[in-house]
Amino acid sequence: QVQLVESGGGSVQAGGSLRLSCAVSRATVSNYCMGWFRQAPGKEREGVAITSTYTGGSTYYADSVKGRFTISQDNAGKTLNLQMNSLKSEDTAMYFCGAGSWRYCTVVTGASPDVRSWGPGTQVTVSS
C-alpha cells in the first residue's frame, strides 16, 4: 500500500511560482507510476504530470502545463515534487498526488481505476 501526503499549496498571483511536494511511504515498489492530478470545482480530476519508478522512465505532461510545470523525484523516490512556474488563474484547483501501475505511465484521468493510491490534496489558488 502506498501512502501519499501533499504539501506546498497556497495562494499566488498570476505569473508566480509554487512548488508542491508529495511524501511517499511504501514498501518495496517496482514498476510504478506516480504523478500529480488536479481538480477544479465542478470539473473532473485530470492528470497533470506523470513519471515512473522505472530507471530511465519517461515523464509525461498535460498539454496545458507543458513548458511551465516540472515533475521530479528525490530522496530515493520518497518525495515527488511539482515545480509550477508562470501560473495562470486556470491552474487554480485542488492538487493531488496519485500512484498506481499503468502502461507507459502516460497522463491518465483521475477516474482511471489504475490509480490505486491518493493523497488528501493541497489547494492551489492563482489570482489574476
Protein backbone atom coordinates (compact mmCIF):
# COMPACT_ATOMS: atom_id res chain seq x y z
CA GLN A 1 0.00 0.00 0.00
CA VAL A 2 1.37 3.39 -0.99
CA GLN A 3 0.65 6.31 1.32
CA LEU A 4 0.87 9.83 -0.06
CA VAL A 5 0.76 13.23 1.64
CA GLU A 6 0.92 16.50 -0.29
CA SER A 7 2.27 19.86 0.88
CA GLY A 8 3.24 23.23 -0.56
CA GLY A 9 -0.06 24.59 -1.82
CA GLY A 10 -1.11 28.18 -1.30
CA SER A 11 -2.17 31.39 -2.98
CA VAL A 12 -0.13 33.20 -5.59
CA GLN A 13 -0.63 35.87 -8.21
CA ALA A 14 -0.71 35.01 -11.89
CA GLY A 15 2.80 34.64 -13.27
CA GLY A 16 4.14 33.42 -9.95
CA SER A 17 5.52 30.04 -8.91
CA LEU A 18 4.76 27.33 -6.38
CA ARG A 19 6.45 24.03 -5.56
CA LEU A 20 4.36 21.11 -4.40
CA SER A 21 5.80 18.08 -2.64
CA CYS A 22 4.39 14.63 -2.01
CA ALA A 23 5.81 12.42 0.71
CA VAL A 24 5.70 8.79 -0.40
CA SER A 25 5.59 5.95 2.06
CA ARG A 26 5.63 2.48 0.60
CA ALA A 27 7.11 -0.93 0.79
CA THR A 28 9.46 -2.00 -1.97
CA VAL A 29 7.79 -0.98 -5.18
CA SER A 30 8.81 -1.53 -8.73
CA ASN A 31 7.09 -0.77 -12.00
CA TYR A 32 5.10 2.08 -10.54
CA CYS A 33 3.62 5.25 -11.98
CA MET A 34 3.40 8.35 -9.82
CA GLY A 35 2.14 11.77 -10.59
CA TRP A 36 0.15 14.90 -9.97
CA PHE A 37 -3.51 15.40 -10.68
CA ARG A 38 -5.82 18.36 -10.14
CA GLN A 39 -9.49 19.00 -9.75
CA ALA A 40 -11.16 22.38 -10.10
CA PRO A 41 -14.67 23.00 -8.75
CA GLY A 42 -17.27 21.41 -10.98
CA LYS A 43 -14.70 19.65 -13.12
CA GLU A 44 -13.33 16.14 -13.31
CA ARG A 45 -9.97 15.25 -11.86
CA GLU A 46 -7.32 15.45 -14.56
CA GLY A 47 -3.77 14.22 -14.85
CA VAL A 48 -1.13 16.97 -14.91
CA ALA A 49 2.29 15.30 -14.81
CA ILE A 50 3.22 11.64 -14.53
CA THR A 51 6.54 9.89 -14.02
CA SER A 52 7.63 6.35 -13.25
CA THR A 53 9.88 4.46 -10.90
CA TYR A 54 11.43 2.67 -13.83
CA THR A 55 15.08 3.51 -14.25
CA GLY A 56 15.14 5.88 -17.19
CA GLY A 57 11.37 6.02 -17.32
CA SER A 58 9.69 8.80 -19.25
CA THR A 59 7.78 11.78 -17.94
CA TYR A 60 4.51 12.98 -19.42
CA TYR A 61 2.68 16.27 -19.08
CA ALA A 62 -0.77 17.51 -19.93
CA ASP A 63 -0.68 19.95 -22.84
CA SER A 64 -2.00 22.72 -20.64
CA VAL A 65 1.11 22.67 -18.39
CA LYS A 66 3.91 21.74 -20.79
CA GLY A 67 6.81 24.13 -20.50
CA ARG A 68 5.54 25.54 -17.20
CA PHE A 69 5.42 22.57 -14.80
CA THR A 70 8.22 20.13 -13.97
CA ILE A 71 7.83 16.86 -12.08
CA SER A 72 10.78 15.34 -10.25
CA GLN A 73 11.68 12.73 -7.65
CA ASP A 74 14.27 12.96 -4.89
CA ASN A 75 15.17 11.39 -1.59
CA ALA A 76 15.45 7.97 -3.24
CA GLY A 77 11.97 8.29 -4.66
CA LYS A 78 10.35 9.10 -1.35
CA THR A 79 9.45 12.63 -2.41
CA LEU A 80 7.63 13.60 -5.57
CA ASN A 81 7.78 17.27 -6.49
CA LEU A 82 5.91 19.53 -8.88
CA GLN A 83 7.53 22.85 -9.73
CA MET A 84 4.89 25.17 -11.15
CA ASN A 85 6.01 28.34 -12.92
CA SER A 86 4.14 31.01 -14.87
CA LEU A 87 0.97 30.12 -13.05
CA LYS A 88 -2.36 31.10 -14.55
CA SER A 89 -5.78 31.56 -12.97
CA GLU A 90 -6.93 28.39 -14.73
CA ASP A 91 -4.36 26.42 -12.71
CA THR A 92 -6.47 27.05 -9.61
CA ALA A 93 -7.50 23.63 -8.27
CA MET A 94 -7.00 21.06 -5.57
CA TYR A 95 -3.84 19.18 -6.44
CA PHE A 96 -3.48 15.50 -5.63
CA CYS A 97 -0.60 13.08 -5.65
CA GLY A 98 -1.56 9.73 -7.15
CA ALA A 99 0.18 6.38 -7.71
CA GLY A 100 -0.54 3.10 -9.40
CA SER A 101 0.50 0.94 -12.29
CA TRP A 102 -0.50 1.51 -15.89
CA ARG A 103 1.11 1.11 -19.25
CA TYR A 104 3.92 3.55 -20.09
CA CYS A 105 2.90 5.85 -17.19
CA THR A 106 1.25 8.29 -19.56
CA VAL A 107 -1.13 11.03 -18.43
CA VAL A 108 -4.41 9.49 -17.30
CA THR A 109 -7.52 10.99 -15.77
CA GLY A 110 -8.31 10.82 -12.11
CA ALA A 111 -11.13 8.42 -12.92
CA SER A 112 -8.69 5.77 -14.05
CA PRO A 113 -9.03 2.63 -11.90
CA ASP A 114 -5.29 2.10 -12.34
CA VAL A 115 -4.58 4.97 -9.93
CA ARG A 116 -4.76 2.98 -6.71
CA SER A 117 -3.48 5.44 -4.10
CA TRP A 118 -4.32 9.09 -3.48
CA GLY A 119 -3.15 11.78 -1.11
CA PRO A 120 -5.66 14.09 0.60
CA GLY A 121 -4.75 17.00 -1.69
CA THR A 122 -3.42 20.55 -1.36
CA GLN A 123 -5.15 23.69 -2.62
CA VAL A 124 -3.54 25.98 -5.18
CA THR A 125 -5.19 29.34 -5.85
CA VAL A 126 -3.92 31.67 -8.56
CA SER A 127 -5.33 35.18 -8.65
CA SER A 128 -5.26 37.32 -11.74
